């Protein structure tokens, strides 16, 4: 599977607006804002890409499930569970 993004790409400055109290409390705990944002964005990107994959493959998934329902799964006769 291809990487979600190029982890070696250079950093780029971005202007953000953040709740002032949230920012104050995170800074008081020495939370690395850049690392936290990158982690959150990576998680959101992975979730959206997975959702997109399911949507793009919905027809094939449905067809496969219908086939298995009608004919069973390969090797079913050898399963012991």
PDB file of N, CA and C in Angstrom:
ATOM      1  N   UNK A   1       0.850  -1.182   0.000  1.00  0.00           N
ATOM      2  CA  UNK A   1       0.000   0.000   0.000  1.00  0.00           C
ATOM      3  C   UNK A   1       0.892   1.240   0.000  1.00  0.00           C
ATOM      4  N   UNK A   2       0.508   2.225  -0.746  1.00  0.00           N
ATOM      5  CA  UNK A   2       1.281   3.458  -0.827  1.00  0.00           C
ATOM      6  C   UNK A   2       1.199   4.231   0.486  1.00  0.00           C
ATOM      7  N   UNK A   3       2.249   4.984   0.761  1.00  0.00           N
ATOM      8  CA  UNK A   3       2.247   5.824   1.959  1.00  0.00           C
ATOM      9  C   UNK A   3       1.152   6.873   1.843  1.00  0.00           C
ATOM     10  N   UNK A   4       0.674   7.316   2.998  1.00  0.00           N
ATOM     11  CA  UNK A   4      -0.353   8.361   3.014  1.00  0.00           C
ATOM     12  C   UNK A   4       0.187   9.678   2.493  1.00  0.00           C
ATOM     13  N   UNK A   5       1.442   9.946   2.827  1.00  0.00           N
ATOM     14  CA  UNK A   5       2.057  11.205   2.426  1.00  0.00           C
ATOM     15  C   UNK A   5       3.570  11.037   2.471  1.00  0.00           C
ATOM     16  N   UNK A   6       4.288  11.977   1.908  1.00  0.00           N
ATOM     17  CA  UNK A   6       5.748  11.927   1.867  1.00  0.00           C
ATOM     18  C   UNK A   6       6.299  12.434   3.198  1.00  0.00           C
ATOM     19  N   UNK A   7       6.786  11.526   4.034  1.00  0.00           N
ATOM     20  CA  UNK A   7       7.271  11.914   5.356  1.00  0.00           C
ATOM     21  C   UNK A   7       8.586  12.679   5.288  1.00  0.00           C
ATOM     22  N   UNK A   8       9.241  12.673   4.141  1.00  0.00           N
ATOM     23  CA  UNK A   8      10.503  13.410   3.998  1.00  0.00           C
ATOM     24  C   UNK A   8      10.314  14.794   3.379  1.00  0.00           C
ATOM     25  N   UNK A   9       9.074  15.142   3.060  1.00  0.00           N
ATOM     26  CA  UNK A   9       8.808  16.463   2.483  1.00  0.00           C
ATOM     27  C   UNK A   9       9.201  17.539   3.500  1.00  0.00           C
ATOM     28  N   UNK A  10       9.669  18.678   3.012  1.00  0.00           N
ATOM     29  CA  UNK A  10      10.085  19.732   3.947  1.00  0.00           C
ATOM     30  C   UNK A  10       8.903  20.292   4.732  1.00  0.00           C
ATOM     31  N   UNK A  11       9.207  20.821   5.897  1.00  0.00           N
ATOM     32  CA  UNK A  11       8.184  21.466   6.732  1.00  0.00           C
ATOM     33  C   UNK A  11       7.787  22.789   6.096  1.00  0.00           C
ATOM     34  N   UNK A  12       6.564  23.204   6.313  1.00  0.00           N
ATOM     35  CA  UNK A  12       6.074  24.475   5.784  1.00  0.00           C
ATOM     36  C   UNK A  12       5.294  25.178   6.894  1.00  0.00           C
ATOM     37  N   UNK A  13       5.585  26.432   7.071  1.00  0.00           N
ATOM     38  CA  UNK A  13       4.884  27.222   8.083  1.00  0.00           C
ATOM     39  C   UNK A  13       3.422  27.396   7.682  1.00  0.00           C
ATOM     40  N   UNK A  14       2.547  27.408   8.694  1.00  0.00           N
ATOM     41  CA  UNK A  14       1.119  27.603   8.445  1.00  0.00           C
ATOM     42  C   UNK A  14       0.548  28.467   9.560  1.00  0.00           C
ATOM     43  N   UNK A  15      -0.326  29.364   9.206  1.00  0.00           N
ATOM     44  CA  UNK A  15      -1.008  30.190  10.201  1.00  0.00           C
ATOM     45  C   UNK A  15      -2.302  29.500  10.596  1.00  0.00           C
ATOM     46  N   UNK A  16      -2.506  29.346  11.889  1.00  0.00           N
ATOM     47  CA  UNK A  16      -3.701  28.672  12.393  1.00  0.00           C
ATOM     48  C   UNK A  16      -4.369  29.530  13.454  1.00  0.00           C
ATOM     49  N   UNK A  17      -5.650  29.337  13.595  1.00  0.00           N
ATOM     50  CA  UNK A  17      -6.379  29.966  14.692  1.00  0.00           C
ATOM     51  C   UNK A  17      -6.772  28.863  15.659  1.00  0.00           C
ATOM     52  N   UNK A  18      -6.426  29.061  16.937  1.00  0.00           N
ATOM     53  CA  UNK A  18      -6.684  28.051  17.961  1.00  0.00           C
ATOM     54  C   UNK A  18      -7.328  28.736  19.153  1.00  0.00           C
ATOM     55  N   UNK A  19      -8.229  28.053  19.804  1.00  0.00           N
ATOM     56  CA  UNK A  19      -8.850  28.558  21.017  1.00  0.00           C
ATOM     57  C   UNK A  19      -7.751  28.989  21.981  1.00  0.00           C
ATOM     58  N   UNK A  20      -7.823  30.206  22.473  1.00  0.00           N
ATOM     59  CA  UNK A  20      -6.737  30.772  23.286  1.00  0.00           C
ATOM     60  C   UNK A  20      -6.521  30.010  24.591  1.00  0.00           C
ATOM     61  N   UNK A  21      -7.597  29.561  25.231  1.00  0.00           N
ATOM     62  CA  UNK A  21      -7.455  28.812  26.479  1.00  0.00           C
ATOM     63  C   UNK A  21      -6.820  27.452  26.224  1.00  0.00           C
ATOM     64  N   UNK A  22      -7.239  26.815  25.142  1.00  0.00           N
ATOM     65  CA  UNK A  22      -6.647  25.539  24.769  1.00  0.00           C
ATOM     66  C   UNK A  22      -5.152  25.698  24.512  1.00  0.00           C
ATOM     67  N   UNK A  23      -4.794  26.718  23.781  1.00  0.00           N
ATOM     68  CA  UNK A  23      -3.390  26.979  23.482  1.00  0.00           C
ATOM     69  C   UNK A  23      -2.588  27.236  24.758  1.00  0.00           C
ATOM     70  N   UNK A  24      -3.124  28.047  25.655  1.00  0.00           N
ATOM     71  CA  UNK A  24      -2.443  28.360  26.915  1.00  0.00           C
ATOM     72  C   UNK A  24      -2.206  27.095  27.734  1.00  0.00           C
ATOM     73  N   UNK A  25      -3.223  26.249  27.827  1.00  0.00           N
ATOM     74  CA  UNK A  25      -3.101  25.034  28.634  1.00  0.00           C
ATOM     75  C   UNK A  25      -2.154  24.017  28.005  1.00  0.00           C
ATOM     76  N   UNK A  26      -2.139  23.935  26.691  1.00  0.00           N
ATOM     77  CA  UNK A  26      -1.202  23.013  26.039  1.00  0.00           C
ATOM     78  C   UNK A  26       0.225  23.499  26.184  1.00  0.00           C
ATOM     79  N   UNK A  27       0.431  24.782  26.043  1.00  0.00           N
ATOM     80  CA  UNK A  27       1.784  25.336  26.226  1.00  0.00           C
ATOM     81  C   UNK A  27       2.264  25.140  27.659  1.00  0.00           C
ATOM     82  N   UNK A  28       1.362  25.278  28.645  1.00  0.00           N
ATOM     83  CA  UNK A  28       1.727  25.088  30.046  1.00  0.00           C
ATOM     84  C   UNK A  28       2.211  23.663  30.303  1.00  0.00           C
ATOM     85  N   UNK A  29       1.725  22.717  29.509  1.00  0.00           N
ATOM     86  CA  UNK A  29       2.142  21.324  29.666  1.00  0.00           C
ATOM     87  C   UNK A  29       3.257  20.941  28.691  1.00  0.00           C
ATOM     88  N   UNK A  30       3.803  21.938  28.018  1.00  0.00           N
ATOM     89  CA  UNK A  30       4.895  21.727  27.052  1.00  0.00           C
ATOM     90  C   UNK A  30       4.544  20.704  25.967  1.00  0.00           C
ATOM     91  N   UNK A  31       3.316  20.771  25.498  1.00  0.00           N
ATOM     92  CA  UNK A  31       2.888  19.885  24.409  1.00  0.00           C
ATOM     93  C   UNK A  31       3.406  20.468  23.099  1.00  0.00           C
ATOM     94  N   UNK A  32       4.063  19.634  22.321  1.00  0.00           N
ATOM     95  CA  UNK A  32       4.609  20.055  21.033  1.00  0.00           C
ATOM     96  C   UNK A  32       3.450  20.209  20.049  1.00  0.00           C
ATOM     97  N   UNK A  33       3.120  21.450  19.720  1.00  0.00           N
ATOM     98  CA  UNK A  33       1.966  21.727  18.862  1.00  0.00           C
ATOM     99  C   UNK A  33       2.134  21.160  17.458  1.00  0.00           C
ATOM    100  N   UNK A  34       3.309  21.316  16.881  1.00  0.00           N
ATOM    101  CA  UNK A  34       3.534  20.827  15.517  1.00  0.00           C
ATOM    102  C   UNK A  34       3.403  19.314  15.444  1.00  0.00           C
ATOM    103  N   UNK A  35       4.030  18.602  16.377  1.00  0.00           N
ATOM    104  CA  UNK A  35       3.973  17.141  16.369  1.00  0.00           C
ATOM    105  C   UNK A  35       2.546  16.657  16.615  1.00  0.00           C
ATOM    106  N   UNK A  36       1.853  17.315  17.532  1.00  0.00           N
ATOM    107  CA  UNK A  36       0.476  16.931  17.839  1.00  0.00           C
ATOM    108  C   UNK A  36      -0.434  17.153  16.644  1.00  0.00           C
ATOM    109  N   UNK A  37      -0.278  18.291  15.981  1.00  0.00           N
ATOM    110  CA  UNK A  37      -1.088  18.575  14.796  1.00  0.00           C
ATOM    111  C   UNK A  37      -0.779  17.577  13.685  1.00  0.00           C
ATOM    112  N   UNK A  38       0.495  17.297  13.448  1.00  0.00           N
ATOM    113  CA  UNK A  38       0.854  16.336  12.402  1.00  0.00           C
ATOM    114  C   UNK A  38       0.251  14.964  12.693  1.00  0.00           C
ATOM    115  N   UNK A  39       0.311  14.527  13.932  1.00  0.00           N
ATOM    116  CA  UNK A  39      -0.250  13.230  14.307  1.00  0.00           C
ATOM    117  C   UNK A  39      -1.772  13.214  14.071  1.00  0.00           C
ATOM    118  N   UNK A  40      -2.446  14.283  14.489  1.00  0.00           N
ATOM    119  CA  UNK A  40      -3.899  14.369  14.311  1.00  0.00           C
ATOM    120  C   UNK A  40      -4.270  14.409  12.822  1.00  0.00           C
ATOM    121  N   UNK A  41      -3.511  15.156  12.032  1.00  0.00           N
ATOM    122  CA  UNK A  41      -3.791  15.224  10.599  1.00  0.00           C
ATOM    123  C   UNK A  41      -3.547  13.885   9.919  1.00  0.00           C
ATOM    124  N   UNK A  42      -2.495  13.184  10.336  1.00  0.00           N
ATOM    125  CA  UNK A  42      -2.206  11.868   9.769  1.00  0.00           C
ATOM    126  C   UNK A  42      -3.345  10.894  10.077  1.00  0.00           C
ATOM    127  N   UNK A  43      -3.839  10.904  11.304  1.00  0.00           N
ATOM    128  CA  UNK A  43      -4.957  10.034  11.678  1.00  0.00           C
ATOM    129  C   UNK A  43      -6.209  10.364  10.872  1.00  0.00           C
ATOM    130  N   UNK A  44      -6.500  11.649  10.727  1.00  0.00           N
ATOM    131  CA  UNK A  44      -7.685  12.064   9.972  1.00  0.00           C
ATOM    132  C   UNK A  44      -7.536  11.698   8.498  1.00  0.00           C
ATOM    133  N   UNK A  45      -6.343  11.895   7.945  1.00  0.00           N
ATOM    134  CA  UNK A  45      -6.095  11.542   6.551  1.00  0.00           C
ATOM    135  C   UNK A  45      -6.276  10.044   6.337  1.00  0.00           C
ATOM    136  N   UNK A  46      -5.753   9.224   7.240  1.00  0.00           N
ATOM    137  CA  UNK A  46      -5.886   7.769   7.127  1.00  0.00           C
ATOM    138  C   UNK A  46      -7.359   7.364   7.176  1.00  0.00           C
ATOM    139  N   UNK A  47      -8.112   7.973   8.081  1.00  0.00           N
ATOM    140  CA  UNK A  47      -9.536   7.668   8.202  1.00  0.00           C
ATOM    141  C   UNK A  47     -10.277   8.043   6.921  1.00  0.00           C
ATOM    142  N   UNK A  48     -10.014   9.218   6.411  1.00  0.00           N
ATOM    143  CA  UNK A  48     -10.714   9.668   5.196  1.00  0.00           C
ATOM    144  C   UNK A  48     -10.344   8.824   3.984  1.00  0.00           C
ATOM    145  N   UNK A  49      -9.052   8.441   3.889  1.00  0.00           N
ATOM    146  CA  UNK A  49      -8.613   7.602   2.772  1.00  0.00           C
ATOM    147  C   UNK A  49      -9.283   6.230   2.858  1.00  0.00           C
ATOM    148  N   UNK A  50      -9.411   5.682   4.075  1.00  0.00           N
ATOM    149  CA  UNK A  50     -10.071   4.387   4.255  1.00  0.00           C
ATOM    150  C   UNK A  50     -11.543   4.491   3.863  1.00  0.00           C
ATOM    151  N   UNK A  51     -12.204   5.557   4.285  1.00  0.00           N
ATOM    152  CA  UNK A  51     -13.601   5.783   3.913  1.00  0.00           C
ATOM    153  C   UNK A  51     -13.741   5.909   2.395  1.00  0.00           C
ATOM    154  N   UNK A  52     -12.808   6.609   1.780  1.00  0.00           N
ATOM    155  CA  UNK A  52     -12.823   6.806   0.332  1.00  0.00           C
ATOM    156  C   UNK A  52     -12.643   5.453  -0.378  1.00  0.00           C
ATOM    157  N   UNK A  53     -11.726   4.611   0.132  1.00  0.00           N
ATOM    158  CA  UNK A  53     -11.487   3.301  -0.461  1.00  0.00           C
ATOM    159  C   UNK A  53     -12.760   2.451  -0.394  1.00  0.00           C
ATOM    160  N   UNK A  54     -13.413   2.455   0.760  1.00  0.00           N
ATOM    161  CA  UNK A  54     -14.646   1.679   0.912  1.00  0.00           C
ATOM    162  C   UNK A  54     -15.693   2.163  -0.080  1.00  0.00           C
ATOM    163  N   UNK A  55     -15.840   3.466  -0.211  1.00  0.00           N
ATOM    164  CA  UNK A  55     -16.830   4.015  -1.138  1.00  0.00           C
ATOM    165  C   UNK A  55     -16.498   3.632  -2.579  1.00  0.00           C
ATOM    166  N   UNK A  56     -15.228   3.732  -2.958  1.00  0.00           N
ATOM    167  CA  UNK A  56     -14.818   3.406  -4.328  1.00  0.00           C
ATOM    168  C   UNK A  56     -14.982   1.917  -4.629  1.00  0.00           C
ATOM    169  N   UNK A  57     -14.929   1.078  -3.610  1.00  0.00           N
ATOM    170  CA  UNK A  57     -14.989  -0.367  -3.798  1.00  0.00           C
ATOM    171  C   UNK A  57     -16.291  -0.986  -3.304  1.00  0.00           C
ATOM    172  N   UNK A  58     -17.265  -0.144  -3.004  1.00  0.00           N
ATOM    173  CA  UNK A  58     -18.539  -0.615  -2.450  1.00  0.00           C
ATOM    174  C   UNK A  58     -19.196  -1.682  -3.338  1.00  0.00           C
ATOM    175  N   UNK A  59     -19.216  -1.470  -4.643  1.00  0.00           N
ATOM    176  CA  UNK A  59     -19.856  -2.414  -5.562  1.00  0.00           C
ATOM    177  C   UNK A  59     -19.138  -3.759  -5.554  1.00  0.00           C
ATOM    178  N   UNK A  60     -17.819  -3.739  -5.603  1.00  0.00           N
ATOM    179  CA  UNK A  60     -17.045  -4.983  -5.596  1.00  0.00           C
ATOM    180  C   UNK A  60     -17.210  -5.717  -4.268  1.00  0.00           C
ATOM    181  N   UNK A  61     -17.221  -4.997  -3.170  1.00  0.00           N
ATOM    182  CA  UNK A  61     -17.403  -5.607  -1.847  1.00  0.00           C
ATOM    183  C   UNK A  61     -18.778  -6.263  -1.773  1.00  0.00           C
ATOM    184  N   UNK A  62     -19.791  -5.581  -2.247  1.00  0.00           N
ATOM    185  CA  UNK A  62     -21.150  -6.131  -2.239  1.00  0.00           C
ATOM    186  C   UNK A  62     -21.214  -7.392  -3.098  1.00  0.00           C
ATOM    187  N   UNK A  63     -20.607  -7.344  -4.279  1.00  0.00           N
ATOM    188  CA  UNK A  63     -20.610  -8.508  -5.170  1.00  0.00           C
ATOM    189  C   UNK A  63     -19.906  -9.698  -4.532  1.00  0.00           C
ATOM    190  N   UNK A  64     -18.775  -9.434  -3.902  1.00  0.00           N
ATOM    191  CA  UNK A  64     -18.025 -10.507  -3.244  1.00  0.00           C
ATOM    192  C   UNK A  64     -18.850 -11.122  -2.112  1.00  0.00           C
ATOM    193  N   UNK A  65     -19.459 -10.272  -1.302  1.00  0.00           N
ATOM    194  CA  UNK A  65     -20.279 -10.770  -0.193  1.00  0.00           C
ATOM    195  C   UNK A  65     -21.452 -11.606  -0.690  1.00  0.00           C
ATOM    196  N   UNK A  66     -22.062 -11.188  -1.798  1.00  0.00           N
ATOM    197  CA  UNK A  66     -23.159 -11.956  -2.373  1.00  0.00           C
ATOM    198  C   UNK A  66     -22.665 -13.312  -2.885  1.00  0.00           C
ATOM    199  N   UNK A  67     -21.495 -13.322  -3.515  1.00  0.00           N
ATOM    200  CA  UNK A  67     -20.914 -14.569  -4.014  1.00  0.00           C
ATOM    201  C   UNK A  67     -20.653 -15.531  -2.858  1.00  0.00           C
ATOM    202  N   UNK A  68     -20.053 -15.032  -1.789  1.00  0.00           N
ATOM    203  CA  UNK A  68     -19.754 -15.871  -0.624  1.00  0.00           C
ATOM    204  C   UNK A  68     -21.043 -16.388   0.007  1.00  0.00           C
ATOM    205  N   UNK A  69     -22.050 -15.542   0.038  1.00  0.00           N
ATOM    206  CA  UNK A  69     -23.337 -15.955   0.599  1.00  0.00           C
ATOM    207  C   UNK A  69     -23.948 -17.111  -0.202  1.00  0.00           C
ATOM    208  N   UNK A  70     -23.805 -17.048  -1.521  1.00  0.00           N
ATOM    209  CA  UNK A  70     -24.385 -18.075  -2.389  1.00  0.00           C
ATOM    210  C   UNK A  70     -23.523 -19.335  -2.477  1.00  0.00           C
ATOM    211  N   UNK A  71     -22.203 -19.169  -2.523  1.00  0.00           N
ATOM    212  CA  UNK A  71     -21.314 -20.295  -2.819  1.00  0.00           C
ATOM    213  C   UNK A  71     -20.388 -20.674  -1.661  1.00  0.00           C
ATOM    214  N   UNK A  72     -20.391 -19.895  -0.617  1.00  0.00           N
ATOM    215  CA  UNK A  72     -19.468 -20.149   0.479  1.00  0.00           C
ATOM    216  C   UNK A  72     -18.085 -19.585   0.164  1.00  0.00           C
ATOM    217  N   UNK A  73     -17.195 -19.764   1.097  1.00  0.00           N
ATOM    218  CA  UNK A  73     -15.846 -19.230   0.974  1.00  0.00           C
ATOM    219  C   UNK A  73     -14.896 -20.362   0.588  1.00  0.00           C
ATOM    220  N   UNK A  74     -13.893 -20.061  -0.208  1.00  0.00           N
ATOM    221  CA  UNK A  74     -12.920 -21.071  -0.614  1.00  0.00           C
ATOM    222  C   UNK A  74     -12.323 -21.736   0.622  1.00  0.00           C
ATOM    223  N   UNK A  75     -12.329 -23.047   0.642  1.00  0.00           N
ATOM    224  CA  UNK A  75     -11.743 -23.788   1.754  1.00  0.00           C
ATOM    225  C   UNK A  75     -12.681 -24.022   2.917  1.00  0.00           C
ATOM    226  N   UNK A  76     -13.944 -23.640   2.787  1.00  0.00           N
ATOM    227  CA  UNK A  76     -14.896 -23.836   3.886  1.00  0.00           C
ATOM    228  C   UNK A  76     -14.956 -25.292   4.336  1.00  0.00           C
ATOM    229  N   UNK A  77     -14.835 -26.200   3.381  1.00  0.00           N
ATOM    230  CA  UNK A  77     -14.958 -27.616   3.730  1.00  0.00           C
ATOM    231  C   UNK A  77     -13.796 -28.122   4.587  1.00  0.00           C
ATOM    232  N   UNK A  78     -12.713 -27.367   4.644  1.00  0.00           N
ATOM    233  CA  UNK A  78     -11.551 -27.779   5.435  1.00  0.00           C
ATOM    234  C   UNK A  78     -11.456 -27.077   6.785  1.00  0.00           C
ATOM    235  N   UNK A  79     -12.335 -26.126   7.018  1.00  0.00           N
ATOM    236  CA  UNK A  79     -12.295 -25.375   8.285  1.00  0.00           C
ATOM    237  C   UNK A  79     -12.705 -26.256   9.452  1.00  0.00           C
ATOM    238  N   UNK A  80     -12.064 -26.048  10.586  1.00  0.00           N
ATOM    239  CA  UNK A  80     -12.381 -26.806  11.791  1.00  0.00           C
ATOM    240  C   UNK A  80     -12.917 -25.918  12.893  1.00  0.00           C
ATOM    241  N   UNK A  81     -13.347 -24.713  12.545  1.00  0.00           N
ATOM    242  CA  UNK A  81     -13.903 -23.804  13.543  1.00  0.00           C
ATOM    243  C   UNK A  81     -15.240 -23.294  13.112  1.00  0.00           C
TER     244      UNK A  81
END
